[in-house]
Every structure is written in C-alpha cells, then in structure tokens.
Amino acid sequence: MTAESTAQARTGYRERQLVVLDVNGTEHEVLVEPRRTLVDVLRHDLGLTGTHVGCEHGICGACTVLVDGRPARACLMFAAQAEGSAVRTVESLAGPDGELSDLQEAFTRHHALQCGFCTPGFLMLAEGHLAACPRTDKAEIREVVAANLCRCTGYQTIVEAIDDCARQRRNREED
C-alpha cells in the first residue's frame, strides 16, 4: 500500500465521479462512487423510492427499470453505466396530475397486486414488453413475467392485467 492509499483508507476517502443521469425525462448530476448501483442512486440520491431493493442479485426483479426502453435490473447496474441512457422508473408511469397510466389501471382492475412490493418491477417489465411487443399474447406475457418473482399473487392476475392493457392499447391504435 502506498502512503497516499493508506492515508485515503484511514480518512475514509473514496473516489467519486460526477455522473449525469436522464431519469424520467429530467437530467440529474450526481456525485457517486464508481461502484454505486443505479438502484441506490435512484432511491437515496434522487428520492425515487418506487424502485425497490429485493434480492440485490438480479433474481427477483423488484428493482426493474427501463434503460433506453428495455427492462434492466437496477441492482446489477452501476449508476455510471446508465450515463447517456434514458432511465425510466415506476414514477414515470403516472401522469403529471397523478392520474394512473393505463397499465396501472389494469393492475388495479385485475387485482394484480397484494403486498405490492414486487409491483413496480412488474409494471416496468410489462411497460417495456408492451412497447417492444404490442401484439403480445398471454403465452408471451407468461414467459416475460416469469423473470420476476412474486410471492403473493400467483401471477395469473398479473398476466390478465398485462393482456388487458395490451388489448386496450391495440384497440386504441386501430381506432
């Protein structure tokens, strides 16, 4: 260990870098340690607590956000890796007046949540899937939602809600 690194270790100094993040359409400058996860920055630095921390291993999906429109596990991504990308969290779904999105309404209508812990991750996973595959069907939806864990609902109501939202979006598109 060099004298400089010893001094840094003793004083608790940690290297930090300025990261500019586009989150929900707003640019944020955040000073972060290079290995700080995106989920920690979203929750603790930006106050966007809708993104939940579950397993911290990328297995449960509670931390799912959209990065450039694609679902990503925020617990597996460093904040610095998101620089230059558009990040969307569950907070982006509701309208500016707090009105629920069509997907959130479908989850409500179909009772696609119980304790609610996993719900933000499922909403963002579904939003990304519906954007990429607007003509999705229940079989595809079942496969997609299998990527996230829910210990309460049994998944059927989640599948029904996403399918309902997909059908409604297709009907609006055809009108």
Protein backbone atom coordinates (compact mmCIF):
# COMPACT_ATOMS: atom_id res chain seq x y z
CA MET A 1 0.00 0.00 0.00
CA THR A 2 1.33 3.43 -0.87
CA ALA A 3 1.41 6.24 1.66
CA GLU A 4 -1.35 8.02 -0.30
CA SER A 5 -3.67 4.99 -0.38
CA THR A 6 -3.00 4.38 3.32
CA ALA A 7 -3.98 7.97 4.09
CA GLN A 8 -7.10 7.62 1.94
CA ALA A 9 -8.07 4.41 3.71
CA ARG A 10 -7.57 5.99 7.14
CA THR A 11 -9.63 9.09 6.35
CA GLY A 12 -12.39 7.15 4.65
CA TYR A 13 -11.78 8.99 1.36
CA ARG A 14 -13.43 7.31 -1.59
CA GLU A 15 -13.05 8.17 -5.22
CA ARG A 16 -16.17 9.80 -6.65
CA GLN A 17 -17.20 10.80 -10.13
CA LEU A 18 -19.80 13.15 -11.49
CA VAL A 19 -22.48 11.26 -13.41
CA VAL A 20 -25.24 12.88 -15.42
CA LEU A 21 -28.37 10.74 -15.49
CA ASP A 22 -31.53 11.23 -17.53
CA VAL A 23 -34.21 9.84 -15.24
CA ASN A 24 -37.87 10.14 -16.17
CA GLY A 25 -37.01 12.89 -18.64
CA THR A 26 -35.10 15.04 -16.13
CA GLU A 27 -31.34 15.42 -16.12
CA HIS A 28 -29.64 14.88 -12.74
CA GLU A 29 -26.00 15.47 -11.83
CA VAL A 30 -24.94 13.07 -9.11
CA LEU A 31 -21.56 12.63 -7.44
CA VAL A 32 -21.17 8.87 -6.94
CA GLU A 33 -18.62 6.26 -6.06
CA PRO A 34 -17.80 4.29 -9.24
CA ARG A 35 -19.33 1.06 -7.89
CA ARG A 36 -22.57 2.66 -6.62
CA THR A 37 -25.56 0.83 -8.05
CA LEU A 38 -28.27 2.53 -10.05
CA VAL A 39 -30.95 1.38 -7.60
CA ASP A 40 -29.11 3.05 -4.71
CA VAL A 41 -28.72 6.31 -6.61
CA LEU A 42 -32.37 6.29 -7.67
CA ARG A 43 -33.62 5.65 -4.13
CA HIS A 44 -31.13 7.50 -1.95
CA ASP A 45 -29.82 10.33 -4.10
CA LEU A 46 -32.84 11.09 -6.29
CA GLY A 47 -35.58 10.08 -3.83
CA LEU A 48 -37.32 7.79 -6.34
CA THR A 49 -38.28 5.09 -3.87
CA GLY A 50 -40.74 3.30 -6.15
CA THR A 51 -37.87 1.16 -7.40
CA HIS A 52 -37.49 -1.48 -4.71
CA VAL A 53 -34.43 -3.32 -3.49
CA GLY A 54 -35.12 -7.02 -3.13
CA CYS A 55 -32.50 -9.69 -3.53
CA GLU A 56 -29.65 -7.42 -4.76
CA HIS A 57 -28.57 -10.30 -7.03
CA GLY A 58 -30.77 -9.61 -10.08
CA ILE A 59 -33.04 -12.55 -9.41
CA CYS A 60 -36.28 -11.09 -8.03
CA GLY A 61 -36.88 -8.18 -10.43
CA ALA A 62 -38.17 -5.76 -7.76
CA CYS A 63 -35.63 -3.20 -8.98
CA THR A 64 -36.61 -3.39 -12.66
CA VAL A 65 -36.45 -0.06 -14.51
CA LEU A 66 -36.35 0.77 -18.20
CA VAL A 67 -32.99 1.77 -19.66
CA ASP A 68 -33.42 3.08 -23.19
CA GLY A 69 -36.83 1.43 -23.22
CA ARG A 70 -35.62 -2.03 -22.19
CA PRO A 71 -36.12 -3.65 -18.79
CA ALA A 72 -32.96 -3.71 -16.68
CA ARG A 73 -32.14 -4.75 -13.14
CA ALA A 74 -31.07 -1.56 -11.36
CA CYS A 75 -29.34 -3.58 -8.63
CA LEU A 76 -26.93 -5.08 -11.17
CA MET A 77 -26.10 -1.85 -12.95
CA PHE A 78 -23.70 0.80 -11.77
CA ALA A 79 -25.09 4.33 -11.93
CA ALA A 80 -22.15 5.31 -14.14
CA GLN A 81 -23.25 2.71 -16.68
CA ALA A 82 -26.58 4.50 -17.09
CA GLU A 83 -24.93 7.77 -18.10
CA GLY A 84 -26.02 8.67 -21.63
CA SER A 85 -29.12 6.47 -21.42
CA ALA A 86 -32.75 7.32 -20.71
CA VAL A 87 -33.82 5.70 -17.44
CA ARG A 88 -37.50 5.33 -16.54
CA THR A 89 -38.75 4.34 -13.13
CA VAL A 90 -42.25 3.43 -12.00
CA GLU A 91 -42.78 7.09 -11.06
CA SER A 92 -42.79 7.89 -14.80
CA LEU A 93 -45.94 5.87 -15.45
CA ALA A 94 -48.47 8.17 -13.76
CA GLY A 95 -49.45 11.44 -15.40
CA PRO A 96 -48.28 14.81 -14.08
CA ASP A 97 -51.53 15.19 -12.15
CA GLY A 98 -51.06 11.76 -10.54
CA GLU A 99 -53.52 10.04 -12.84
CA LEU A 100 -52.65 6.36 -13.18
CA SER A 101 -51.44 5.04 -16.51
CA ASP A 102 -53.49 2.50 -18.44
CA LEU A 103 -51.16 -0.25 -17.21
CA GLN A 104 -51.52 0.81 -13.58
CA GLU A 105 -55.30 0.95 -14.05
CA ALA A 106 -55.28 -2.58 -15.48
CA PHE A 107 -53.28 -3.83 -12.49
CA THR A 108 -55.87 -2.22 -10.21
CA ARG A 109 -58.85 -3.61 -12.14
CA HIS A 110 -57.46 -7.14 -12.14
CA HIS A 111 -56.18 -7.04 -8.54
CA ALA A 112 -52.71 -7.81 -9.87
CA LEU A 113 -51.03 -6.97 -6.61
CA GLN A 114 -51.31 -7.93 -3.00
CA CYS A 115 -48.49 -6.75 -0.76
CA GLY A 116 -47.27 -4.50 -3.61
CA PHE A 117 -43.55 -4.98 -3.06
CA CYS A 118 -42.93 -6.55 -6.48
CA THR A 119 -45.48 -4.41 -8.33
CA PRO A 120 -43.17 -1.59 -9.51
CA GLY A 121 -40.81 -4.14 -11.03
CA PHE A 122 -43.67 -5.94 -12.78
CA LEU A 123 -45.08 -2.66 -14.07
CA MET A 124 -41.77 -1.64 -15.61
CA LEU A 125 -41.16 -5.13 -17.00
CA ALA A 126 -44.64 -5.04 -18.57
CA GLU A 127 -44.22 -1.49 -19.89
CA GLY A 128 -41.00 -2.47 -21.64
CA HIS A 129 -42.55 -5.64 -23.05
CA LEU A 130 -45.69 -3.87 -24.31
CA ALA A 131 -43.58 -1.21 -26.03
CA ALA A 132 -41.43 -3.84 -27.74
CA CYS A 133 -44.25 -6.31 -28.48
CA PRO A 134 -47.59 -4.51 -28.74
CA ARG A 135 -49.21 -7.60 -30.30
CA THR A 136 -48.21 -9.83 -27.39
CA ASP A 137 -50.39 -12.70 -26.23
CA LYS A 138 -50.90 -14.45 -22.90
CA ALA A 139 -48.29 -17.12 -23.62
CA GLU A 140 -45.62 -14.47 -24.26
CA ILE A 141 -46.74 -12.49 -21.24
CA ARG A 142 -46.45 -15.57 -19.01
CA GLU A 143 -42.92 -16.12 -20.25
CA VAL A 144 -41.97 -12.48 -19.66
CA VAL A 145 -43.42 -12.23 -16.13
CA ALA A 146 -41.59 -15.39 -15.12
CA ALA A 147 -38.47 -13.21 -15.00
CA ASN A 148 -39.75 -11.50 -11.82
CA LEU A 149 -40.70 -13.04 -8.50
CA CYS A 150 -44.00 -12.56 -6.68
CA ARG A 151 -44.79 -14.48 -3.53
CA CYS A 152 -48.41 -13.30 -3.20
CA THR A 153 -50.45 -13.23 -6.42
CA GLY A 154 -49.76 -16.48 -8.21
CA TYR A 155 -49.06 -14.46 -11.41
CA GLN A 156 -52.42 -15.12 -13.10
CA THR A 157 -53.85 -11.71 -12.23
CA ILE A 158 -50.64 -10.04 -13.40
CA VAL A 159 -50.89 -11.86 -16.75
CA GLU A 160 -54.56 -10.87 -17.05
CA ALA A 161 -53.78 -7.21 -16.33
CA ILE A 162 -50.98 -7.00 -18.88
CA ASP A 163 -53.06 -8.80 -21.50
CA ASP A 164 -55.99 -6.44 -20.85
CA CYS A 165 -53.74 -3.39 -21.20
CA ALA A 166 -52.23 -4.77 -24.43
CA ARG A 167 -55.70 -5.33 -25.90
CA GLN A 168 -56.84 -1.85 -24.93
CA ARG A 169 -53.73 -0.27 -26.48
CA ARG A 170 -54.24 -2.24 -29.71
CA ASN A 171 -57.91 -1.18 -29.83
CA ARG A 172 -56.95 2.50 -29.38
CA GLU A 173 -54.34 2.13 -32.10
CA GLU A 174 -56.89 0.66 -34.52
CA ASP A 175 -59.43 3.44 -33.90
